[in-house]
Amino acid sequence: QVQLVESGGGLVQAGDSLRLSCEASGRHFSSYAMGWLRQAAGLEREFVAVISRSGGLTAYAESVKGRFTISRDNVKNTVTLQMNSLKPEDTAVYYCAAKESGIVTRTPQYDYWGQGTQVTVSS
């Protein structure tokens, strides 16, 4: 019921900042919890951040806590991941995702996915 398109990925140096955006189209964007997940080469897809339907609750992976911030705008139908103090280990394809359940959990289980955007951090 929702289609997601990510943008904002690129090649940066360690310590730099980057902002990823996800634009959603479809029905009832505000009814979905929204998340960002990533998959590094050769590794499993992992949870990064999630935000509740109204934006009142957020959760982060321990590896990004304090550096990344997830936010959403239910009027513009967008979700953003602000990434600061980037590290080489942040290099991955980043996916925007939506879940029908309103439960905020640190898991990679989502119902709808974007195509992904590459983030590469050099040392």
Protein backbone atom coordinates (compact mmCIF):
# COMPACT_ATOMS: atom_id res chain seq x y z
CA GLN A 1 0.00 0.00 0.00
CA VAL A 2 3.03 2.26 0.05
CA GLN A 3 5.93 2.79 -2.36
CA LEU A 4 9.23 4.11 -1.10
CA VAL A 5 12.05 5.92 -2.90
CA GLU A 6 15.33 6.71 -1.15
CA SER A 7 17.79 9.44 -2.07
CA GLY A 8 20.84 11.16 -0.64
CA GLY A 9 23.45 8.42 -0.64
CA GLY A 10 26.97 9.00 -1.83
CA LEU A 11 30.69 8.81 -1.15
CA VAL A 12 31.98 10.73 1.88
CA GLN A 13 34.98 10.72 4.18
CA ALA A 14 35.04 9.55 7.77
CA GLY A 15 33.70 12.23 10.08
CA ASP A 16 31.42 13.73 7.46
CA SER A 17 27.65 14.01 7.61
CA LEU A 18 25.02 12.83 5.19
CA ARG A 19 21.26 13.03 5.08
CA LEU A 20 19.16 10.31 3.52
CA SER A 21 15.58 10.97 2.49
CA CYS A 22 12.72 8.64 1.70
CA GLU A 23 9.59 9.75 -0.08
CA ALA A 24 6.49 7.61 0.22
CA SER A 25 3.50 7.37 -2.05
CA GLY A 26 0.36 5.41 -1.49
CA ARG A 27 -2.29 5.15 1.14
CA HIS A 28 -2.04 5.89 4.81
CA PHE A 29 1.62 6.78 5.21
CA SER A 30 0.99 7.91 8.75
CA SER A 31 -0.35 4.47 9.68
CA TYR A 32 3.08 2.85 9.21
CA ALA A 33 6.04 2.75 11.49
CA MET A 34 9.03 3.69 9.34
CA GLY A 35 12.55 2.39 9.53
CA TRP A 36 16.00 2.61 8.05
CA LEU A 37 18.00 -0.57 7.60
CA ARG A 38 21.31 -1.30 5.94
CA GLN A 39 23.20 -4.13 4.35
CA ALA A 40 26.97 -4.13 4.05
CA ALA A 41 28.71 -6.27 1.45
CA GLY A 42 28.82 -9.88 2.58
CA LEU A 43 26.70 -9.27 5.66
CA GLU A 44 23.07 -9.65 6.65
CA ARG A 45 20.65 -6.77 6.49
CA GLU A 46 20.55 -5.05 9.85
CA PHE A 47 18.34 -2.64 11.70
CA VAL A 48 19.50 0.98 11.93
CA ALA A 49 16.62 3.13 13.18
CA VAL A 50 12.84 3.15 13.49
CA ILE A 51 10.24 5.80 14.18
CA SER A 52 6.65 5.37 15.29
CA ARG A 53 3.62 6.40 13.29
CA SER A 54 3.29 9.79 14.93
CA GLY A 55 7.02 10.26 15.37
CA GLY A 56 6.79 10.18 19.13
CA LEU A 57 9.02 7.14 19.63
CA THR A 58 12.36 6.24 18.08
CA ALA A 59 14.88 3.46 18.50
CA TYR A 60 18.40 2.99 17.17
CA ALA A 61 20.99 0.32 16.74
CA GLU A 62 23.74 0.60 19.34
CA SER A 63 26.30 1.18 16.61
CA VAL A 64 24.63 4.40 15.44
CA LYS A 65 23.07 5.72 18.62
CA GLY A 66 24.11 9.30 19.26
CA ARG A 67 25.26 9.78 15.66
CA PHE A 68 22.15 9.12 13.58
CA THR A 69 18.72 10.71 13.89
CA ILE A 70 15.53 9.49 12.26
CA SER A 71 12.60 11.83 11.68
CA ARG A 72 9.40 11.92 9.67
CA ASP A 73 6.98 14.41 8.20
CA ASN A 74 3.50 12.97 7.83
CA VAL A 75 2.35 15.97 5.80
CA LYS A 76 5.08 15.61 3.18
CA ASN A 77 5.10 11.80 3.46
CA THR A 78 8.83 11.66 4.04
CA VAL A 79 11.24 10.06 6.47
CA THR A 80 14.81 11.22 6.95
CA LEU A 81 17.98 9.74 8.38
CA GLN A 82 20.52 12.34 9.45
CA MET A 83 23.92 10.67 9.74
CA ASN A 84 26.73 12.46 11.55
CA SER A 85 30.29 11.44 12.39
CA LEU A 86 30.24 8.77 9.73
CA LYS A 87 32.62 5.85 10.02
CA PRO A 88 33.90 3.41 7.40
CA GLU A 89 31.86 0.68 9.06
CA ASP A 90 28.72 2.64 8.16
CA THR A 91 29.34 1.77 4.51
CA ALA A 92 26.31 -0.12 3.23
CA VAL A 93 23.23 0.04 1.09
CA TYR A 94 20.61 1.86 3.13
CA TYR A 95 16.96 0.95 2.78
CA CYS A 96 13.85 2.82 3.78
CA ALA A 97 11.08 0.50 4.93
CA ALA A 98 7.54 0.56 6.26
CA LYS A 99 5.73 -1.78 8.60
CA GLU A 100 2.01 -2.06 9.08
CA SER A 101 2.44 -2.83 12.74
CA GLY A 102 2.85 0.22 14.89
CA ILE A 103 5.24 -1.60 17.19
CA VAL A 104 8.71 -0.06 17.40
CA THR A 105 11.33 -2.81 17.55
CA ARG A 106 15.01 -3.21 16.72
CA THR A 107 14.44 -5.83 14.03
CA PRO A 108 14.78 -5.93 10.22
CA GLN A 109 11.24 -7.26 9.65
CA TYR A 110 9.24 -4.84 7.48
CA ASP A 111 6.37 -5.12 5.02
CA TYR A 112 7.47 -2.67 2.32
CA TRP A 113 10.92 -1.69 1.10
CA GLY A 114 12.55 0.95 -1.04
CA GLN A 115 15.22 0.15 -3.63
CA GLY A 116 18.12 1.23 -1.45
CA THR A 117 20.77 3.92 -1.71
CA GLN A 118 24.52 3.35 -1.41
CA VAL A 119 26.49 5.08 1.33
CA THR A 120 30.25 4.72 1.17
CA VAL A 121 32.51 6.16 3.88
CA SER A 122 36.23 6.26 3.22
CA SER A 123 38.90 6.56 5.89
